[in-house]
Amino acid sequence: MYILYGQFKQYADKKGYQLLKEDYRFIENNIKHLHQDEQILVLKEYLKRWGQGMKEGGKTPQNQNLGRFRANEYLRSVCKN
């Protein structure tokens, strides 16, 4: 987790996504069974969905939550355990 998420966290922070520890834990629990190449693709799409949710009204705390919801919804659909 730490190698992949070290870069992922830096990228997400730089782009203005406000992921919580719980978000990283949720991501890890859902993608740990995927191959690393698949994980990278899923993480890219995860942030894309988060960004689309935020675009619906700007980077307010409420829209961070909407972005989080959209991204988590995507992750659940892709990584059914």
PDB file of N, CA and C in Angstrom:
ATOM      1  N   MET A   1       0.823  -1.200   0.000  1.00  0.00           N
ATOM      2  CA  MET A   1       0.000   0.000   0.000  1.00  0.00           C
ATOM      3  C   MET A   1       0.858   1.251   0.000  1.00  0.00           C
ATOM      4  N   TYR A   2       1.882   1.293   0.814  1.00  0.00           N
ATOM      5  CA  TYR A   2       2.583   2.547   1.056  1.00  0.00           C
ATOM      6  C   TYR A   2       3.332   3.071  -0.163  1.00  0.00           C
ATOM      7  N   ILE A   3       3.893   2.180  -0.970  1.00  0.00           N
ATOM      8  CA  ILE A   3       4.602   2.645  -2.164  1.00  0.00           C
ATOM      9  C   ILE A   3       3.614   3.273  -3.140  1.00  0.00           C
ATOM     10  N   LEU A   4       2.548   2.564  -3.426  1.00  0.00           N
ATOM     11  CA  LEU A   4       1.541   3.050  -4.366  1.00  0.00           C
ATOM     12  C   LEU A   4       0.870   4.311  -3.843  1.00  0.00           C
ATOM     13  N   TYR A   5       0.475   4.298  -2.580  1.00  0.00           N
ATOM     14  CA  TYR A   5      -0.275   5.418  -2.047  1.00  0.00           C
ATOM     15  C   TYR A   5       0.592   6.619  -1.724  1.00  0.00           C
ATOM     16  N   GLY A   6       1.898   6.430  -1.554  1.00  0.00           N
ATOM     17  CA  GLY A   6       2.777   7.576  -1.352  1.00  0.00           C
ATOM     18  C   GLY A   6       2.686   8.512  -2.552  1.00  0.00           C
ATOM     19  N   GLN A   7       2.819   7.968  -3.733  1.00  0.00           N
ATOM     20  CA  GLN A   7       2.715   8.754  -4.960  1.00  0.00           C
ATOM     21  C   GLN A   7       1.283   9.205  -5.196  1.00  0.00           C
ATOM     22  N   PHE A   8       0.345   8.331  -4.925  1.00  0.00           N
ATOM     23  CA  PHE A   8      -1.069   8.656  -5.123  1.00  0.00           C
ATOM     24  C   PHE A   8      -1.486   9.803  -4.214  1.00  0.00           C
ATOM     25  N   LYS A   9      -1.067   9.751  -2.952  1.00  0.00           N
ATOM     26  CA  LYS A   9      -1.419  10.797  -1.988  1.00  0.00           C
ATOM     27  C   LYS A   9      -0.826  12.131  -2.418  1.00  0.00           C
ATOM     28  N   GLN A  10       0.434  12.137  -2.811  1.00  0.00           N
ATOM     29  CA  GLN A  10       1.068  13.377  -3.266  1.00  0.00           C
ATOM     30  C   GLN A  10       0.322  13.961  -4.457  1.00  0.00           C
ATOM     31  N   TYR A  11      -0.029  13.128  -5.401  1.00  0.00           N
ATOM     32  CA  TYR A  11      -0.749  13.580  -6.587  1.00  0.00           C
ATOM     33  C   TYR A  11      -2.118  14.135  -6.209  1.00  0.00           C
ATOM     34  N   ALA A  12      -2.849  13.404  -5.375  1.00  0.00           N
ATOM     35  CA  ALA A  12      -4.192  13.832  -4.968  1.00  0.00           C
ATOM     36  C   ALA A  12      -4.134  15.157  -4.213  1.00  0.00           C
ATOM     37  N   ASP A  13      -3.181  15.287  -3.304  1.00  0.00           N
ATOM     38  CA  ASP A  13      -3.033  16.535  -2.548  1.00  0.00           C
ATOM     39  C   ASP A  13      -2.709  17.702  -3.479  1.00  0.00           C
ATOM     40  N   LYS A  14      -1.810  17.465  -4.411  1.00  0.00           N
ATOM     41  CA  LYS A  14      -1.395  18.503  -5.359  1.00  0.00           C
ATOM     42  C   LYS A  14      -2.570  18.987  -6.209  1.00  0.00           C
ATOM     43  N   LYS A  15      -3.466  18.067  -6.554  1.00  0.00           N
ATOM     44  CA  LYS A  15      -4.619  18.406  -7.393  1.00  0.00           C
ATOM     45  C   LYS A  15      -5.802  18.963  -6.601  1.00  0.00           C
ATOM     46  N   GLY A  16      -5.690  19.015  -5.267  1.00  0.00           N
ATOM     47  CA  GLY A  16      -6.747  19.618  -4.462  1.00  0.00           C
ATOM     48  C   GLY A  16      -7.805  18.667  -3.933  1.00  0.00           C
ATOM     49  N   TYR A  17      -7.573  17.372  -4.068  1.00  0.00           N
ATOM     50  CA  TYR A  17      -8.501  16.392  -3.508  1.00  0.00           C
ATOM     51  C   TYR A  17      -8.202  16.250  -2.023  1.00  0.00           C
ATOM     52  N   GLN A  18      -9.223  16.239  -1.217  1.00  0.00           N
ATOM     53  CA  GLN A  18      -9.042  16.172   0.232  1.00  0.00           C
ATOM     54  C   GLN A  18      -9.415  14.784   0.740  1.00  0.00           C
ATOM     55  N   LEU A  19      -8.560  13.821   0.439  1.00  0.00           N
ATOM     56  CA  LEU A  19      -8.806  12.453   0.882  1.00  0.00           C
ATOM     57  C   LEU A  19      -8.449  12.313   2.355  1.00  0.00           C
ATOM     58  N   LEU A  20      -9.270  11.583   3.068  1.00  0.00           N
ATOM     59  CA  LEU A  20      -9.064  11.328   4.485  1.00  0.00           C
ATOM     60  C   LEU A  20      -8.383   9.976   4.668  1.00  0.00           C
ATOM     61  N   LYS A  21      -7.876   9.737   5.876  1.00  0.00           N
ATOM     62  CA  LYS A  21      -7.288   8.423   6.164  1.00  0.00           C
ATOM     63  C   LYS A  21      -8.285   7.312   5.861  1.00  0.00           C
ATOM     64  N   GLU A  22      -9.542   7.583   6.168  1.00  0.00           N
ATOM     65  CA  GLU A  22     -10.589   6.593   5.917  1.00  0.00           C
ATOM     66  C   GLU A  22     -10.747   6.316   4.426  1.00  0.00           C
ATOM     67  N   ASP A  23     -10.543   7.353   3.605  1.00  0.00           N
ATOM     68  CA  ASP A  23     -10.613   7.159   2.151  1.00  0.00           C
ATOM     69  C   ASP A  23      -9.510   6.212   1.688  1.00  0.00           C
ATOM     70  N   TYR A  24      -8.291   6.443   2.187  1.00  0.00           N
ATOM     71  CA  TYR A  24      -7.176   5.577   1.798  1.00  0.00           C
ATOM     72  C   TYR A  24      -7.408   4.143   2.267  1.00  0.00           C
ATOM     73  N   ARG A  25      -7.957   3.986   3.453  1.00  0.00           N
ATOM     74  CA  ARG A  25      -8.263   2.658   3.984  1.00  0.00           C
ATOM     75  C   ARG A  25      -9.328   1.976   3.118  1.00  0.00           C
ATOM     76  N   PHE A  26     -10.355   2.731   2.739  1.00  0.00           N
ATOM     77  CA  PHE A  26     -11.418   2.202   1.878  1.00  0.00           C
ATOM     78  C   PHE A  26     -10.844   1.769   0.528  1.00  0.00           C
ATOM     79  N   ILE A  27      -9.998   2.613  -0.037  1.00  0.00           N
ATOM     80  CA  ILE A  27      -9.375   2.287  -1.322  1.00  0.00           C
ATOM     81  C   ILE A  27      -8.553   1.008  -1.192  1.00  0.00           C
ATOM     82  N   GLU A  28      -7.712   0.961  -0.170  1.00  0.00           N
ATOM     83  CA  GLU A  28      -6.855  -0.211   0.016  1.00  0.00           C
ATOM     84  C   GLU A  28      -7.680  -1.490   0.154  1.00  0.00           C
ATOM     85  N   ASN A  29      -8.722  -1.431   0.950  1.00  0.00           N
ATOM     86  CA  ASN A  29      -9.555  -2.618   1.163  1.00  0.00           C
ATOM     87  C   ASN A  29     -10.232  -3.089  -0.119  1.00  0.00           C
ATOM     88  N   ASN A  30     -10.494  -2.176  -1.023  1.00  0.00           N
ATOM     89  CA  ASN A  30     -11.191  -2.542  -2.255  1.00  0.00           C
ATOM     90  C   ASN A  30     -10.270  -2.962  -3.386  1.00  0.00           C
ATOM     91  N   ILE A  31      -9.058  -2.428  -3.440  1.00  0.00           N
ATOM     92  CA  ILE A  31      -8.212  -2.741  -4.596  1.00  0.00           C
ATOM     93  C   ILE A  31      -7.073  -3.697  -4.291  1.00  0.00           C
ATOM     94  N   LYS A  32      -6.939  -4.129  -3.055  1.00  0.00           N
ATOM     95  CA  LYS A  32      -5.783  -4.959  -2.698  1.00  0.00           C
ATOM     96  C   LYS A  32      -5.715  -6.272  -3.481  1.00  0.00           C
ATOM     97  N   HIS A  33      -6.832  -6.756  -3.967  1.00  0.00           N
ATOM     98  CA  HIS A  33      -6.833  -8.011  -4.727  1.00  0.00           C
ATOM     99  C   HIS A  33      -6.506  -7.813  -6.208  1.00  0.00           C
ATOM    100  N   LEU A  34      -6.411  -6.569  -6.658  1.00  0.00           N
ATOM    101  CA  LEU A  34      -6.110  -6.284  -8.060  1.00  0.00           C
ATOM    102  C   LEU A  34      -4.600  -6.272  -8.296  1.00  0.00           C
ATOM    103  N   HIS A  35      -4.198  -6.569  -9.510  1.00  0.00           N
ATOM    104  CA  HIS A  35      -2.801  -6.458  -9.924  1.00  0.00           C
ATOM    105  C   HIS A  35      -2.422  -4.978  -9.907  1.00  0.00           C
ATOM    106  N   GLN A  36      -1.147  -4.678  -9.693  1.00  0.00           N
ATOM    107  CA  GLN A  36      -0.717  -3.287  -9.561  1.00  0.00           C
ATOM    108  C   GLN A  36      -1.082  -2.443 -10.786  1.00  0.00           C
ATOM    109  N   ASP A  37      -0.965  -2.998 -11.984  1.00  0.00           N
ATOM    110  CA  ASP A  37      -1.343  -2.245 -13.186  1.00  0.00           C
ATOM    111  C   ASP A  37      -2.824  -1.873 -13.160  1.00  0.00           C
ATOM    112  N   GLU A  38      -3.651  -2.803 -12.717  1.00  0.00           N
ATOM    113  CA  GLU A  38      -5.087  -2.533 -12.600  1.00  0.00           C
ATOM    114  C   GLU A  38      -5.361  -1.503 -11.512  1.00  0.00           C
ATOM    115  N   GLN A  39      -4.610  -1.586 -10.422  1.00  0.00           N
ATOM    116  CA  GLN A  39      -4.781  -0.624  -9.335  1.00  0.00           C
ATOM    117  C   GLN A  39      -4.548   0.798  -9.821  1.00  0.00           C
ATOM    118  N   ILE A  40      -3.515   0.979 -10.612  1.00  0.00           N
ATOM    119  CA  ILE A  40      -3.186   2.312 -11.120  1.00  0.00           C
ATOM    120  C   ILE A  40      -4.320   2.847 -11.988  1.00  0.00           C
ATOM    121  N   LEU A  41      -4.845   2.025 -12.871  1.00  0.00           N
ATOM    122  CA  LEU A  41      -5.966   2.451 -13.718  1.00  0.00           C
ATOM    123  C   LEU A  41      -7.194   2.797 -12.886  1.00  0.00           C
ATOM    124  N   VAL A  42      -7.479   1.983 -11.879  1.00  0.00           N
ATOM    125  CA  VAL A  42      -8.633   2.228 -11.013  1.00  0.00           C
ATOM    126  C   VAL A  42      -8.440   3.523 -10.227  1.00  0.00           C
ATOM    127  N   LEU A  43      -7.232   3.769  -9.732  1.00  0.00           N
ATOM    128  CA  LEU A  43      -6.974   4.997  -8.972  1.00  0.00           C
ATOM    129  C   LEU A  43      -7.124   6.238  -9.846  1.00  0.00           C
ATOM    130  N   LYS A  44      -6.673   6.153 -11.084  1.00  0.00           N
ATOM    131  CA  LYS A  44      -6.839   7.290 -12.003  1.00  0.00           C
ATOM    132  C   LYS A  44      -8.315   7.583 -12.235  1.00  0.00           C
ATOM    133  N   GLU A  45      -9.083   6.539 -12.476  1.00  0.00           N
ATOM    134  CA  GLU A  45     -10.518   6.718 -12.706  1.00  0.00           C
ATOM    135  C   GLU A  45     -11.212   7.183 -11.432  1.00  0.00           C
ATOM    136  N   TYR A  46     -10.742   6.711 -10.291  1.00  0.00           N
ATOM    137  CA  TYR A  46     -11.289   7.116  -8.989  1.00  0.00           C
ATOM    138  C   TYR A  46     -11.190   8.637  -8.837  1.00  0.00           C
ATOM    139  N   LEU A  47      -9.995   9.184  -9.104  1.00  0.00           N
ATOM    140  CA  LEU A  47      -9.829  10.637  -8.987  1.00  0.00           C
ATOM    141  C   LEU A  47     -10.609  11.378 -10.065  1.00  0.00           C
ATOM    142  N   LYS A  48     -10.715  10.796 -11.232  1.00  0.00           N
ATOM    143  CA  LYS A  48     -11.510  11.416 -12.295  1.00  0.00           C
ATOM    144  C   LYS A  48     -12.963  11.548 -11.849  1.00  0.00           C
ATOM    145  N   ARG A  49     -13.507  10.488 -11.266  1.00  0.00           N
ATOM    146  CA  ARG A  49     -14.897  10.523 -10.788  1.00  0.00           C
ATOM    147  C   ARG A  49     -15.048  11.516  -9.641  1.00  0.00           C
ATOM    148  N   TRP A  50     -14.060  11.574  -8.770  1.00  0.00           N
ATOM    149  CA  TRP A  50     -14.085  12.529  -7.657  1.00  0.00           C
ATOM    150  C   TRP A  50     -14.143  13.946  -8.230  1.00  0.00           C
ATOM    151  N   GLY A  51     -13.302  14.216  -9.206  1.00  0.00           N
ATOM    152  CA  GLY A  51     -13.271  15.534  -9.834  1.00  0.00           C
ATOM    153  C   GLY A  51     -14.577  15.884 -10.520  1.00  0.00           C
ATOM    154  N   GLN A  52     -15.190  14.927 -11.179  1.00  0.00           N
ATOM    155  CA  GLN A  52     -16.478  15.173 -11.828  1.00  0.00           C
ATOM    156  C   GLN A  52     -17.542  15.531 -10.801  1.00  0.00           C
ATOM    157  N   GLY A  53     -17.518  14.873  -9.658  1.00  0.00           N
ATOM    158  CA  GLY A  53     -18.468  15.194  -8.593  1.00  0.00           C
ATOM    159  C   GLY A  53     -18.259  16.602  -8.071  1.00  0.00           C
ATOM    160  N   MET A  54     -16.996  17.013  -7.943  1.00  0.00           N
ATOM    161  CA  MET A  54     -16.704  18.366  -7.450  1.00  0.00           C
ATOM    162  C   MET A  54     -17.084  19.430  -8.473  1.00  0.00           C
ATOM    163  N   LYS A  55     -16.958  19.120  -9.752  1.00  0.00           N
ATOM    164  CA  LYS A  55     -17.269  20.098 -10.799  1.00  0.00           C
ATOM    165  C   LYS A  55     -18.732  20.501 -10.813  1.00  0.00           C
ATOM    166  N   GLU A  56     -19.567  19.689 -10.197  1.00  0.00           N
ATOM    167  CA  GLU A  56     -20.990  20.003 -10.195  1.00  0.00           C
ATOM    168  C   GLU A  56     -21.296  21.267  -9.403  1.00  0.00           C
ATOM    169  N   GLY A  57     -20.332  21.783  -8.658  1.00  0.00           N
ATOM    170  CA  GLY A  57     -20.602  23.009  -7.923  1.00  0.00           C
ATOM    171  C   GLY A  57     -19.387  23.690  -7.334  1.00  0.00           C
ATOM    172  N   GLY A  58     -18.181  23.287  -7.706  1.00  0.00           N
ATOM    173  CA  GLY A  58     -16.983  23.914  -7.180  1.00  0.00           C
ATOM    174  C   GLY A  58     -16.348  23.100  -6.068  1.00  0.00           C
ATOM    175  N   LYS A  59     -15.212  23.587  -5.591  1.00  0.00           N
ATOM    176  CA  LYS A  59     -14.446  22.852  -4.584  1.00  0.00           C
ATOM    177  C   LYS A  59     -14.844  23.247  -3.165  1.00  0.00           C
ATOM    178  N   THR A  60     -16.096  23.141  -2.857  1.00  0.00           N
ATOM    179  CA  THR A  60     -16.570  23.401  -1.498  1.00  0.00           C
ATOM    180  C   THR A  60     -16.540  22.085  -0.719  1.00  0.00           C
ATOM    181  N   PRO A  61     -16.601  22.157   0.609  1.00  0.00           N
ATOM    182  CA  PRO A  61     -16.641  20.903   1.387  1.00  0.00           C
ATOM    183  C   PRO A  61     -17.792  19.984   0.975  1.00  0.00           C
ATOM    184  N   GLN A  62     -18.941  20.552   0.637  1.00  0.00           N
ATOM    185  CA  GLN A  62     -20.073  19.728   0.214  1.00  0.00           C
ATOM    186  C   GLN A  62     -19.752  18.992  -1.083  1.00  0.00           C
ATOM    187  N   ASN A  63     -19.069  19.661  -1.983  1.00  0.00           N
ATOM    188  CA  ASN A  63     -18.742  19.029  -3.257  1.00  0.00           C
ATOM    189  C   ASN A  63     -17.582  18.052  -3.127  1.00  0.00           C
ATOM    190  N   GLN A  64     -16.712  18.255  -2.121  1.00  0.00           N
ATOM    191  CA  GLN A  64     -15.717  17.219  -1.823  1.00  0.00           C
ATOM    192  C   GLN A  64     -16.466  15.942  -1.455  1.00  0.00           C
ATOM    193  N   ASN A  65     -17.534  16.092  -0.662  1.00  0.00           N
ATOM    194  CA  ASN A  65     -18.316  14.916  -0.278  1.00  0.00           C
ATOM    195  C   ASN A  65     -19.024  14.299  -1.477  1.00  0.00           C
ATOM    196  N   LEU A  66     -19.537  15.130  -2.377  1.00  0.00           N
ATOM    197  CA  LEU A  66     -20.171  14.608  -3.588  1.00  0.00           C
ATOM    198  C   LEU A  66     -19.132  13.886  -4.445  1.00  0.00           C
ATOM    199  N   GLY A  67     -17.953  14.480  -4.559  1.00  0.00           N
ATOM    200  CA  GLY A  67     -16.872  13.826  -5.293  1.00  0.00           C
ATOM    201  C   GLY A  67     -16.485  12.504  -4.664  1.00  0.00           C
ATOM    202  N   ARG A  68     -16.381  12.503  -3.353  1.00  0.00           N
ATOM    203  CA  ARG A  68     -16.058  11.279  -2.607  1.00  0.00           C
ATOM    204  C   ARG A  68     -17.123  10.210  -2.869  1.00  0.00           C
ATOM    205  N   PHE A  69     -18.382  10.615  -2.843  1.00  0.00           N
ATOM    206  CA  PHE A  69     -19.479   9.673  -3.086  1.00  0.00           C
ATOM    207  C   PHE A  69     -19.372   9.068  -4.481  1.00  0.00           C
ATOM    208  N   ARG A  70     -19.163   9.927  -5.487  1.00  0.00           N
ATOM    209  CA  ARG A  70     -19.068   9.437  -6.871  1.00  0.00           C
ATOM    210  C   ARG A  70     -17.889   8.467  -7.033  1.00  0.00           C
ATOM    211  N   ALA A  71     -16.754   8.826  -6.439  1.00  0.00           N
ATOM    212  CA  ALA A  71     -15.562   7.988  -6.551  1.00  0.00           C
ATOM    213  C   ALA A  71     -15.755   6.657  -5.831  1.00  0.00           C
ATOM    214  N   ASN A  72     -16.335   6.700  -4.649  1.00  0.00           N
ATOM    215  CA  ASN A  72     -16.548   5.465  -3.889  1.00  0.00           C
ATOM    216  C   ASN A  72     -17.577   4.563  -4.559  1.00  0.00           C
ATOM    217  N   GLU A  73     -18.575   5.183  -5.159  1.00  0.00           N
ATOM    218  CA  GLU A  73     -19.576   4.424  -5.910  1.00  0.00           C
ATOM    219  C   GLU A  73     -18.899   3.670  -7.061  1.00  0.00           C
ATOM    220  N   TYR A  74     -18.010   4.360  -7.765  1.00  0.00           N
ATOM    221  CA  TYR A  74     -17.257   3.732  -8.854  1.00  0.00           C
ATOM    222  C   TYR A  74     -16.406   2.573  -8.321  1.00  0.00           C
ATOM    223  N   LEU A  75     -15.691   2.828  -7.242  1.00  0.00           N
ATOM    224  CA  LEU A  75     -14.798   1.813  -6.692  1.00  0.00           C
ATOM    225  C   LEU A  75     -15.565   0.560  -6.273  1.00  0.00           C
ATOM    226  N   ARG A  76     -16.708   0.760  -5.663  1.00  0.00           N
ATOM    227  CA  ARG A  76     -17.536  -0.391  -5.263  1.00  0.00           C
ATOM    228  C   ARG A  76     -17.984  -1.201  -6.482  1.00  0.00           C
ATOM    229  N   SER A  77     -18.330  -0.509  -7.565  1.00  0.00           N
ATOM    230  CA  SER A  77     -18.825  -1.219  -8.748  1.00  0.00           C
ATOM    231  C   SER A  77     -17.716  -1.996  -9.456  1.00  0.00           C
ATOM    232  N   VAL A  78     -16.510  -1.474  -9.423  1.00  0.00           N
ATOM    233  CA  VAL A  78     -15.391  -2.111 -10.109  1.00  0.00           C
ATOM    234  C   VAL A  78     -14.769  -3.233  -9.280  1.00  0.00           C
ATOM    235  N   CYS A  79     -14.725  -3.052  -7.992  1.00  0.00           N
ATOM    236  CA  CYS A  79     -13.980  -3.969  -7.113  1.00  0.00           C
ATOM    237  C   CYS A  79     -14.890  -4.795  -6.226  1.00  0.00           C
ATOM    238  N   LYS A  80     -15.907  -5.349  -6.786  1.00  0.00           N
ATOM    239  CA  LYS A  80     -16.796  -6.203  -5.993  1.00  0.00           C
ATOM    240  C   LYS A  80     -16.005  -7.389  -5.481  1.00  0.00           C
ATOM    241  N   ASN A  81     -15.907  -7.480  -4.163  1.00  0.00           N
ATOM    242  CA  ASN A  81     -15.118  -8.564  -3.542  1.00  0.00           C
ATOM    243  C   ASN A  81     -15.979  -9.787  -3.375  1.00  0.00           C
TER     244      ASN A  81
END
